[in-house]
Amino acid sequence: AWLADTNGRTRLALERYEHAHTLKPGYKALTVRMGNVLLDLNELDRAQAAFEQVVSATGLEAGSLYGLGQIALLQREYDMAIDLFSRALEYDPAASRIHYPLAQALRATQRNEAAKAQLALRGNQPPTFRDPQIESLEALKIGSRIHFIQAMKAIKQQDYTAASEAFAQGLAGEPDNVLARISYARTLYLIDNRNGARQALEVALALQQDNSLGLFLLGILTEEQGDADEAAVYYRRAIRHTPDHAGAHFFLANQYFRQGNYTAAAQHYASSIKGEPDNLGATIPYIATLQLTHAPAARLITELDTAVERFPEYSGFRYLQILLQAGSRDAAIHDPETALQNAQQLNDQQRLPPHQELLALACAAIGDYAQATVIQEDLLAYVRQSMPAEEGRVAQALAYYQDKTQPPLDELINYAALQAPAFNASAAFRDYPASRPY
């Protein structure tokens, strides 16, 4: 059971753990392992029952509390999750893997500074617990594990050739290790051996058909090779097995965006952001899809406000927020007084042409077309000298102000800056997180 578990064959591991439990029902460490597998399979009620059964057992507290915390987080019981994760860390302060889900729960309750502090502490060390049966089995696998550890050290040094060789050596002694084989595929890709990477992923998926990371990476490789439709099949399979798979949702959303299916794109961007809130590359086109699909004003405002707060270094969201406040015809969004305050604040901070444009628009929005005209005339004189390609657009806006009208909103929004990011397979193979690399 443990060998199947560590090799990523989760369903088989559960069957074998259950059989082992019938043979030795009083072995409490086994219950924690069953809980972890049930959690991986999204069988939350059974996982919760398993963890609660042994949460008070000496030496098993941290592992059980961590499992219960993950369940609370999935069920959006954020305060409960914070309490459970914090208690788990009290029992095992070295369990650095706990810090990331704790940060997610803190962020969900608007405790952003505390969340940032936890993110700075995150690592990959899970809670440990004493399991004599497994400790004896670990000794049998130490040879392969040495190679896998060497591979991970090489990856940190960006020596992917050495990493692929070390993974190959480890897999020679442990050929059914699905997680290591997927990591091996990633290193092969990064040394430009795409055929080898595909073969390694296909072998891994033959061993474990529902491995979402393997399906996701095979989808990326397939899309890179020109078959977007087949790639989408892999992304959907990954999502079917892991509904909150941020990467699969993101790449599928990008496909829909490029096809002009903005409604479907918005749905998948939202799911991707839910799993990975700090992904600016997903948030930019997500906001665009909401505008392009004429999403309800309340939703657009909420999502845009969140983006402004989450990405203060990216001025594009602030710019669009002011643009909508000044230029939208929707009463739920139109707020010219706030637009003027925000535009003036931007200009006070940095007098740039885009900020001047916003200030002119905000003045027009409150009916001060004379001031809007003065600002736009100054801007037009500047762009004629420094930005001649923008002269026609700036002059057109000036004509509106001189006629005491506002430019149509669609003429003001720069959708070219709100596109889906360019397809990038290398970044995903190099950087996409794996909960366990071997």
Protein backbone atom coordinates (compact mmCIF):
# COMPACT_ATOMS: atom_id res chain seq x y z
CA ALA A 1 0.00 0.00 0.00
CA TRP A 2 2.74 2.43 0.94
CA LEU A 3 4.72 1.69 -2.23
CA ALA A 4 1.63 2.42 -4.33
CA ASP A 5 1.03 5.61 -2.32
CA THR A 6 4.55 6.97 -2.71
CA ASN A 7 4.50 6.13 -6.42
CA GLY A 8 1.34 8.17 -6.97
CA ARG A 9 -1.05 5.23 -7.50
CA THR A 10 -3.61 6.63 -5.12
CA ARG A 11 -6.65 4.43 -5.77
CA LEU A 12 -4.58 1.25 -5.53
CA ALA A 13 -2.96 2.57 -2.35
CA LEU A 14 -6.38 3.07 -0.75
CA GLU A 15 -7.47 -0.47 -1.58
CA ARG A 16 -4.31 -1.87 -0.04
CA TYR A 17 -4.45 0.38 3.02
CA GLU A 18 -8.03 -0.74 3.65
CA HIS A 19 -6.96 -4.38 3.40
CA ALA A 20 -4.05 -3.72 5.78
CA HIS A 21 -6.45 -2.05 8.20
CA THR A 22 -8.60 -5.17 8.35
CA LEU A 23 -5.47 -7.16 9.25
CA LYS A 24 -4.21 -4.70 11.87
CA PRO A 25 -7.05 -2.33 12.90
CA GLY A 26 -5.21 -0.97 15.94
CA TYR A 27 -2.23 0.38 13.97
CA LYS A 28 -3.01 4.12 14.20
CA ALA A 29 -0.33 5.44 11.82
CA LEU A 30 -2.11 3.50 9.08
CA THR A 31 -5.26 5.55 9.75
CA VAL A 32 -3.38 8.79 9.08
CA ARG A 33 -2.10 7.40 5.79
CA MET A 34 -5.62 6.32 4.82
CA GLY A 35 -6.86 9.81 5.64
CA ASN A 36 -4.22 11.38 3.38
CA VAL A 37 -5.13 9.11 0.48
CA LEU A 38 -8.85 9.75 0.93
CA LEU A 39 -8.10 13.47 0.92
CA ASP A 40 -6.14 13.11 -2.33
CA LEU A 41 -9.17 11.32 -3.80
CA ASN A 42 -11.48 14.13 -2.60
CA GLU A 43 -13.45 11.77 -0.34
CA LEU A 44 -13.63 14.44 2.33
CA ASP A 45 -16.15 12.89 4.73
CA ARG A 46 -14.21 9.64 5.00
CA ALA A 47 -10.90 11.49 5.27
CA GLN A 48 -12.27 13.66 8.07
CA ALA A 49 -13.51 10.61 9.97
CA ALA A 50 -10.08 8.99 9.68
CA PHE A 51 -8.17 12.03 10.92
CA GLU A 52 -10.60 12.66 13.80
CA GLN A 53 -10.17 9.05 14.90
CA VAL A 54 -6.45 9.54 15.65
CA VAL A 55 -6.05 13.31 16.13
CA SER A 56 -5.36 12.83 19.84
CA ALA A 57 -2.95 9.92 19.42
CA THR A 58 0.57 10.73 20.60
CA GLY A 59 2.87 11.42 17.67
CA LEU A 60 0.04 11.64 15.14
CA GLU A 61 -1.38 15.05 16.13
CA ALA A 62 0.40 17.20 13.53
CA GLY A 63 -0.41 14.94 10.59
CA SER A 64 -4.07 14.61 11.59
CA LEU A 65 -4.55 18.33 12.27
CA TYR A 66 -2.93 19.17 8.93
CA GLY A 67 -5.35 16.84 7.15
CA LEU A 68 -8.35 18.31 8.97
CA GLY A 69 -7.10 21.81 8.14
CA GLN A 70 -6.96 20.98 4.43
CA ILE A 71 -10.54 19.72 4.56
CA ALA A 72 -11.71 22.88 6.34
CA LEU A 73 -9.94 25.00 3.70
CA LEU A 74 -11.62 23.11 0.86
CA GLN A 75 -14.98 23.60 2.57
CA ARG A 76 -14.24 27.34 3.01
CA GLU A 77 -14.30 27.08 6.79
CA TYR A 78 -11.39 29.50 6.89
CA ASP A 79 -11.29 30.32 10.61
CA MET A 80 -11.39 26.63 11.46
CA ALA A 81 -8.61 25.94 8.93
CA ILE A 82 -6.44 28.66 10.49
CA ASP A 83 -6.90 27.13 13.94
CA LEU A 84 -6.14 23.59 12.75
CA PHE A 85 -3.04 24.56 10.76
CA SER A 86 -1.74 26.67 13.65
CA ARG A 87 -2.17 23.79 16.09
CA ALA A 88 -0.43 21.43 13.66
CA LEU A 89 2.57 23.79 13.54
CA GLU A 90 2.69 23.82 17.33
CA TYR A 91 3.20 20.06 17.27
CA ASP A 92 5.62 20.10 14.32
CA PRO A 93 7.19 23.56 13.72
CA ALA A 94 9.47 22.11 11.02
CA ALA A 95 6.52 21.10 8.82
CA SER A 96 7.01 23.94 6.34
CA ARG A 97 4.38 22.61 3.92
CA ILE A 98 1.67 23.81 6.33
CA HIS A 99 2.53 27.49 5.85
CA TYR A 100 1.12 27.74 2.30
CA PRO A 101 -2.45 26.53 3.01
CA LEU A 102 -2.39 28.57 6.22
CA ALA A 103 -1.55 31.63 4.11
CA GLN A 104 -4.47 30.82 1.78
CA ALA A 105 -6.88 30.70 4.72
CA LEU A 106 -5.52 33.95 6.13
CA ARG A 107 -5.85 35.67 2.75
CA ALA A 108 -9.45 34.45 2.47
CA THR A 109 -10.23 36.21 5.78
CA GLN A 110 -8.53 39.43 4.60
CA ARG A 111 -5.54 39.00 6.94
CA ASN A 112 -3.14 39.84 4.14
CA GLU A 113 -0.06 40.79 6.17
CA ALA A 114 -0.24 37.57 8.18
CA ALA A 115 -0.70 35.66 4.91
CA LYS A 116 2.45 37.24 3.45
CA ALA A 117 4.40 36.24 6.55
CA GLN A 118 3.27 32.63 6.17
CA LEU A 119 4.11 32.57 2.45
CA ALA A 120 7.66 33.60 3.29
CA LEU A 121 7.97 30.46 5.46
CA ARG A 122 6.49 27.94 3.03
CA GLY A 123 8.46 24.85 2.09
CA ASN A 124 7.91 21.23 1.13
CA GLN A 125 8.39 19.42 4.47
CA PRO A 126 5.13 17.68 5.46
CA PRO A 127 4.22 16.89 9.06
CA THR A 128 6.13 13.83 10.24
CA PHE A 129 4.86 10.99 12.37
CA ARG A 130 6.37 7.78 13.68
CA ASP A 131 5.52 4.72 11.61
CA PRO A 132 7.85 1.78 12.38
CA GLN A 133 6.46 -0.38 9.58
CA ILE A 134 7.21 2.24 6.94
CA GLU A 135 10.59 3.11 8.39
CA SER A 136 11.73 -0.43 7.62
CA LEU A 137 10.41 -0.16 4.06
CA GLU A 138 12.16 3.19 3.58
CA ALA A 139 15.47 1.45 4.07
CA LEU A 140 14.74 -0.70 1.01
CA LYS A 141 14.28 2.38 -1.17
CA ILE A 142 17.18 4.46 0.05
CA GLY A 143 19.29 3.75 -3.04
CA SER A 144 16.75 5.21 -5.46
CA ARG A 145 15.96 8.09 -3.13
CA ILE A 146 19.60 9.17 -3.10
CA HIS A 147 19.43 9.56 -6.88
CA PHE A 148 16.15 11.48 -6.65
CA ILE A 149 17.61 13.83 -4.04
CA GLN A 150 20.62 14.41 -6.30
CA ALA A 151 18.23 15.17 -9.16
CA MET A 152 16.41 17.80 -7.12
CA LYS A 153 19.70 19.43 -6.13
CA ALA A 154 20.67 19.58 -9.80
CA ILE A 155 17.31 21.19 -10.65
CA LYS A 156 17.94 23.92 -8.06
CA GLN A 157 21.22 24.61 -9.87
CA GLN A 158 19.37 24.54 -13.23
CA ASP A 159 21.56 21.64 -14.37
CA TYR A 160 18.75 19.74 -16.07
CA THR A 161 21.08 17.30 -17.83
CA ALA A 162 22.47 16.08 -14.51
CA ALA A 163 18.94 16.03 -13.08
CA SER A 164 17.61 13.86 -15.90
CA GLU A 165 20.52 11.43 -15.51
CA ALA A 166 19.94 11.16 -11.75
CA PHE A 167 16.21 10.58 -12.23
CA ALA A 168 16.97 7.87 -14.79
CA GLN A 169 19.28 6.12 -12.30
CA GLY A 170 16.67 6.30 -9.56
CA LEU A 171 13.92 5.00 -11.83
CA ALA A 172 16.08 2.02 -12.78
CA GLY A 173 15.64 0.81 -9.22
CA GLU A 174 12.10 2.11 -8.75
CA PRO A 175 10.42 1.98 -12.18
CA ASP A 176 6.85 2.35 -10.89
CA ASN A 177 7.48 5.70 -9.17
CA VAL A 178 4.96 7.80 -11.10
CA LEU A 179 5.89 11.08 -9.45
CA ALA A 180 9.60 10.66 -10.17
CA ARG A 181 8.84 9.68 -13.77
CA ILE A 182 6.86 12.89 -14.28
CA SER A 183 9.75 14.90 -12.82
CA TYR A 184 12.06 12.98 -15.17
CA ALA A 185 9.85 13.98 -18.10
CA ARG A 186 10.12 17.62 -17.08
CA THR A 187 13.93 17.52 -17.02
CA LEU A 188 13.99 15.80 -20.42
CA TYR A 189 11.83 18.57 -21.86
CA LEU A 190 14.14 21.21 -20.40
CA ILE A 191 17.15 19.67 -22.20
CA ASP A 192 15.14 19.78 -25.45
CA ASN A 193 14.33 16.05 -25.52
CA ARG A 194 10.63 16.44 -26.24
CA ASN A 195 10.16 12.90 -27.55
CA GLY A 196 11.70 11.50 -24.40
CA ALA A 197 9.51 13.77 -22.28
CA ARG A 198 6.37 12.57 -24.05
CA GLN A 199 7.37 8.92 -23.65
CA ALA A 200 8.06 9.40 -19.93
CA LEU A 201 4.70 11.10 -19.41
CA GLU A 202 2.87 8.37 -21.31
CA VAL A 203 4.54 5.68 -19.18
CA ALA A 204 3.59 7.58 -16.01
CA LEU A 205 -0.03 7.85 -17.14
CA ALA A 206 -0.13 4.18 -18.06
CA LEU A 207 0.78 3.50 -14.42
CA GLN A 208 -1.67 6.09 -13.05
CA GLN A 209 -4.29 7.30 -15.51
CA ASP A 210 -5.72 9.95 -13.18
CA ASN A 211 -2.47 11.80 -12.42
CA SER A 212 -3.52 15.39 -13.04
CA LEU A 213 0.00 16.84 -13.25
CA GLY A 214 0.96 14.27 -15.88
CA LEU A 215 -2.20 14.95 -17.88
CA PHE A 216 -1.63 18.70 -17.64
CA LEU A 217 1.98 18.52 -18.83
CA LEU A 218 1.09 16.14 -21.65
CA GLY A 219 -1.58 18.63 -22.70
CA ILE A 220 0.98 21.43 -22.80
CA LEU A 221 3.38 19.31 -24.84
CA THR A 222 0.57 18.41 -27.24
CA GLU A 223 -0.49 22.04 -27.65
CA GLU A 224 3.09 23.10 -28.29
CA GLN A 225 3.25 20.52 -31.07
CA GLY A 226 0.23 22.12 -32.74
CA ASP A 227 -2.79 20.07 -31.64
CA ALA A 228 -4.78 22.45 -29.45
CA ASP A 229 -7.94 20.31 -29.57
CA GLU A 230 -6.18 17.21 -28.26
CA ALA A 231 -4.41 19.34 -25.66
CA ALA A 232 -7.79 20.58 -24.43
CA VAL A 233 -8.83 16.96 -23.91
CA TYR A 234 -5.86 16.46 -21.59
CA TYR A 235 -6.60 19.70 -19.71
CA ARG A 236 -10.22 18.64 -19.18
CA ARG A 237 -9.13 15.21 -17.95
CA ALA A 238 -6.79 16.88 -15.46
CA ILE A 239 -9.65 19.08 -14.25
CA ARG A 240 -12.00 16.09 -13.99
CA HIS A 241 -9.60 14.38 -11.59
CA THR A 242 -8.52 17.60 -9.81
CA PRO A 243 -11.33 20.17 -10.18
CA ASP A 244 -9.24 23.03 -8.76
CA HIS A 245 -6.19 22.41 -10.98
CA ALA A 246 -5.09 26.01 -11.55
CA GLY A 247 -2.73 25.22 -14.43
CA ALA A 248 -5.18 23.20 -16.51
CA HIS A 249 -7.89 25.84 -16.06
CA PHE A 250 -5.42 28.57 -17.06
CA PHE A 251 -4.23 26.94 -20.29
CA LEU A 252 -7.78 25.97 -21.25
CA ALA A 253 -8.97 29.53 -20.56
CA ASN A 254 -6.20 30.89 -22.79
CA GLN A 255 -7.40 28.63 -25.61
CA TYR A 256 -10.98 29.87 -25.25
CA PHE A 257 -9.80 33.50 -25.12
CA ARG A 258 -7.86 33.16 -28.38
CA GLN A 259 -10.93 31.54 -29.97
CA GLY A 260 -13.11 34.48 -28.91
CA ASN A 261 -15.20 32.35 -26.54
CA TYR A 262 -14.94 34.86 -23.70
CA THR A 263 -17.72 33.35 -21.58
CA ALA A 264 -15.96 29.99 -21.30
CA ALA A 265 -12.62 31.74 -20.86
CA ALA A 266 -14.00 33.76 -17.93
CA GLN A 267 -15.22 30.59 -16.19
CA HIS A 268 -11.85 28.87 -16.44
CA TYR A 269 -9.85 31.98 -15.51
CA ALA A 270 -12.01 32.32 -12.38
CA SER A 271 -11.30 28.69 -11.45
CA SER A 272 -7.58 29.13 -12.09
CA ILE A 273 -7.42 32.27 -9.94
CA LYS A 274 -9.28 30.48 -7.16
CA GLY A 275 -6.48 27.91 -7.05
CA GLU A 276 -3.65 30.40 -7.63
CA PRO A 277 -4.81 33.90 -6.57
CA ASP A 278 -1.46 35.61 -7.25
CA ASN A 279 -1.36 34.73 -10.96
CA LEU A 280 -1.29 38.13 -12.66
CA GLY A 281 -1.14 36.43 -16.07
CA ALA A 282 -4.59 34.93 -15.46
CA THR A 283 -6.11 38.00 -13.80
CA ILE A 284 -5.41 40.41 -16.69
CA PRO A 285 -7.36 38.48 -19.37
CA TYR A 286 -9.99 37.50 -16.77
CA ILE A 287 -10.87 41.16 -16.22
CA ALA A 288 -10.98 41.61 -19.99
CA THR A 289 -13.42 38.71 -20.41
CA LEU A 290 -15.75 40.22 -17.81
CA GLN A 291 -15.83 43.49 -19.75
CA LEU A 292 -16.16 41.77 -23.13
CA THR A 293 -19.06 39.57 -21.95
CA HIS A 294 -20.83 42.50 -20.25
CA ALA A 295 -20.70 40.78 -16.87
CA PRO A 296 -23.01 42.16 -14.17
CA ALA A 297 -21.70 45.45 -12.83
CA ALA A 298 -21.43 44.18 -9.26
CA ARG A 299 -19.23 41.28 -10.33
CA LEU A 300 -17.00 43.45 -12.51
CA ILE A 301 -16.53 46.03 -9.75
CA THR A 302 -15.77 43.38 -7.12
CA GLU A 303 -13.24 41.54 -9.27
CA LEU A 304 -11.56 44.76 -10.40
CA ASP A 305 -11.33 46.09 -6.83
CA THR A 306 -9.76 42.78 -5.77
CA ALA A 307 -7.25 42.95 -8.62
CA VAL A 308 -6.27 46.53 -7.73
CA GLU A 309 -5.65 45.48 -4.12
CA ARG A 310 -3.87 42.23 -4.98
CA PHE A 311 -1.55 43.70 -7.63
CA PRO A 312 -0.73 47.27 -6.55
CA GLU A 313 2.42 47.21 -8.69
CA TYR A 314 0.36 46.70 -11.89
CA SER A 315 -1.13 50.06 -12.88
CA GLY A 316 -3.36 48.61 -15.61
CA PHE A 317 -6.11 47.60 -13.17
CA ARG A 318 -6.12 51.01 -11.52
CA TYR A 319 -6.27 52.64 -14.94
CA LEU A 320 -9.24 50.52 -16.03
CA GLN A 321 -11.01 51.11 -12.72
CA ILE A 322 -10.86 54.89 -13.19
CA LEU A 323 -11.79 54.56 -16.85
CA LEU A 324 -14.96 52.67 -15.96
CA GLN A 325 -15.83 55.02 -13.11
CA ALA A 326 -15.60 57.96 -15.50
CA GLY A 327 -16.85 56.51 -18.77
CA SER A 328 -19.30 53.71 -18.03
CA ARG A 329 -22.97 54.29 -18.77
CA ASP A 330 -23.91 51.70 -16.14
CA ALA A 331 -25.24 53.51 -13.07
CA ALA A 332 -23.80 50.84 -10.79
CA ILE A 333 -20.29 51.58 -12.08
CA HIS A 334 -20.42 55.26 -13.07
CA ASP A 335 -18.84 57.31 -10.27
CA PRO A 336 -17.34 60.49 -11.77
CA GLU A 337 -16.44 62.16 -8.48
CA THR A 338 -14.39 59.16 -7.34
CA ALA A 339 -12.88 58.91 -10.82
CA LEU A 340 -11.72 62.52 -10.59
CA GLN A 341 -10.18 62.00 -7.15
CA ASN A 342 -8.36 58.86 -8.27
CA ALA A 343 -7.16 60.39 -11.55
CA GLN A 344 -5.87 63.47 -9.74
CA GLN A 345 -4.05 61.24 -7.27
CA LEU A 346 -2.35 59.35 -10.11
CA ASN A 347 -1.27 62.61 -11.74
CA ASP A 348 0.07 63.94 -8.46
CA GLN A 349 2.14 60.77 -8.08
CA GLN A 350 3.42 60.72 -11.66
CA ARG A 351 2.44 63.01 -14.51
CA LEU A 352 2.34 60.59 -17.43
CA PRO A 353 0.32 60.79 -20.68
CA PRO A 354 -2.07 57.94 -19.68
CA HIS A 355 -2.69 59.64 -16.34
CA GLN A 356 -3.39 62.95 -18.07
CA GLU A 357 -5.87 61.22 -20.36
CA LEU A 358 -7.69 59.83 -17.35
CA LEU A 359 -7.78 63.23 -15.70
CA ALA A 360 -9.25 64.82 -18.84
CA LEU A 361 -11.88 62.09 -19.04
CA ALA A 362 -12.74 62.46 -15.35
CA CYS A 363 -13.17 66.22 -15.78
CA ALA A 364 -15.50 65.59 -18.70
CA ALA A 365 -17.41 63.03 -16.62
CA ILE A 366 -18.31 65.70 -14.03
CA GLY A 367 -19.26 68.13 -16.82
CA ASP A 368 -16.11 70.29 -16.76
CA TYR A 369 -15.45 70.09 -20.49
CA ALA A 370 -13.41 73.30 -20.46
CA GLN A 371 -10.82 71.80 -18.12
CA ALA A 372 -10.93 68.49 -20.01
CA THR A 373 -10.19 70.41 -23.22
CA VAL A 374 -7.22 72.25 -21.67
CA ILE A 375 -5.67 69.01 -20.38
CA GLN A 376 -6.23 67.19 -23.67
CA GLU A 377 -4.78 70.08 -25.71
CA ASP A 378 -1.61 70.00 -23.60
CA LEU A 379 -1.44 66.25 -24.06
CA LEU A 380 -1.91 66.54 -27.84
CA ALA A 381 0.97 69.01 -28.09
CA TYR A 382 3.17 66.55 -26.21
CA VAL A 383 2.31 63.46 -28.25
CA ARG A 384 2.88 65.31 -31.54
CA GLN A 385 6.49 65.71 -30.48
CA SER A 386 7.13 62.48 -28.60
CA MET A 387 4.44 59.93 -29.54
CA PRO A 388 3.24 60.73 -33.09
CA ALA A 389 1.54 57.34 -33.46
CA GLU A 390 -0.92 58.38 -30.72
CA GLU A 391 -1.79 61.76 -32.26
CA GLY A 392 -4.94 60.67 -34.07
CA ARG A 393 -6.48 58.95 -31.05
CA VAL A 394 -5.69 61.85 -28.68
CA ALA A 395 -7.02 64.38 -31.20
CA GLN A 396 -10.26 62.41 -31.56
CA ALA A 397 -10.83 62.52 -27.79
CA LEU A 398 -10.14 66.26 -27.82
CA ALA A 399 -12.82 66.71 -30.48
CA TYR A 400 -15.35 65.00 -28.21
CA TYR A 401 -14.51 67.34 -25.32
CA GLN A 402 -14.74 70.39 -27.57
CA ASP A 403 -18.23 69.19 -28.55
CA LYS A 404 -19.04 68.75 -24.84
CA THR A 405 -19.44 64.98 -25.07
CA GLN A 406 -17.52 61.99 -23.74
CA PRO A 407 -15.74 59.48 -25.98
CA PRO A 408 -17.43 56.05 -26.21
CA LEU A 409 -15.99 53.68 -23.62
CA ASP A 410 -14.98 51.06 -26.19
CA GLU A 411 -12.73 53.64 -27.87
CA LEU A 412 -10.93 54.22 -24.59
CA ILE A 413 -10.26 50.67 -23.38
CA ASN A 414 -6.99 49.27 -24.71
CA TYR A 415 -7.95 45.62 -25.16
CA ALA A 416 -4.55 44.91 -26.71
CA ALA A 417 -3.08 45.24 -23.20
CA LEU A 418 -5.64 42.79 -21.78
CA GLN A 419 -4.92 39.77 -23.96
CA ALA A 420 -4.24 36.20 -22.90
CA PRO A 421 -0.49 35.68 -22.42
CA ALA A 422 1.56 34.04 -25.14
CA PHE A 423 1.73 30.25 -24.96
CA ASN A 424 4.78 29.25 -22.91
CA ALA A 425 5.41 25.54 -22.44
CA SER A 426 8.92 25.92 -21.04
CA ALA A 427 7.78 28.01 -18.07
CA ALA A 428 5.19 25.41 -17.09
CA PHE A 429 7.61 22.48 -17.36
CA ARG A 430 10.19 24.42 -15.36
CA ASP A 431 8.10 26.21 -12.74
CA TYR A 432 4.68 24.61 -12.23
CA PRO A 433 4.63 23.28 -8.65
CA ALA A 434 4.48 19.57 -7.86
CA SER A 435 3.27 18.69 -4.38
CA ARG A 436 5.70 15.75 -4.36
CA PRO A 437 8.46 15.43 -6.98
CA TYR A 438 9.17 11.73 -6.34
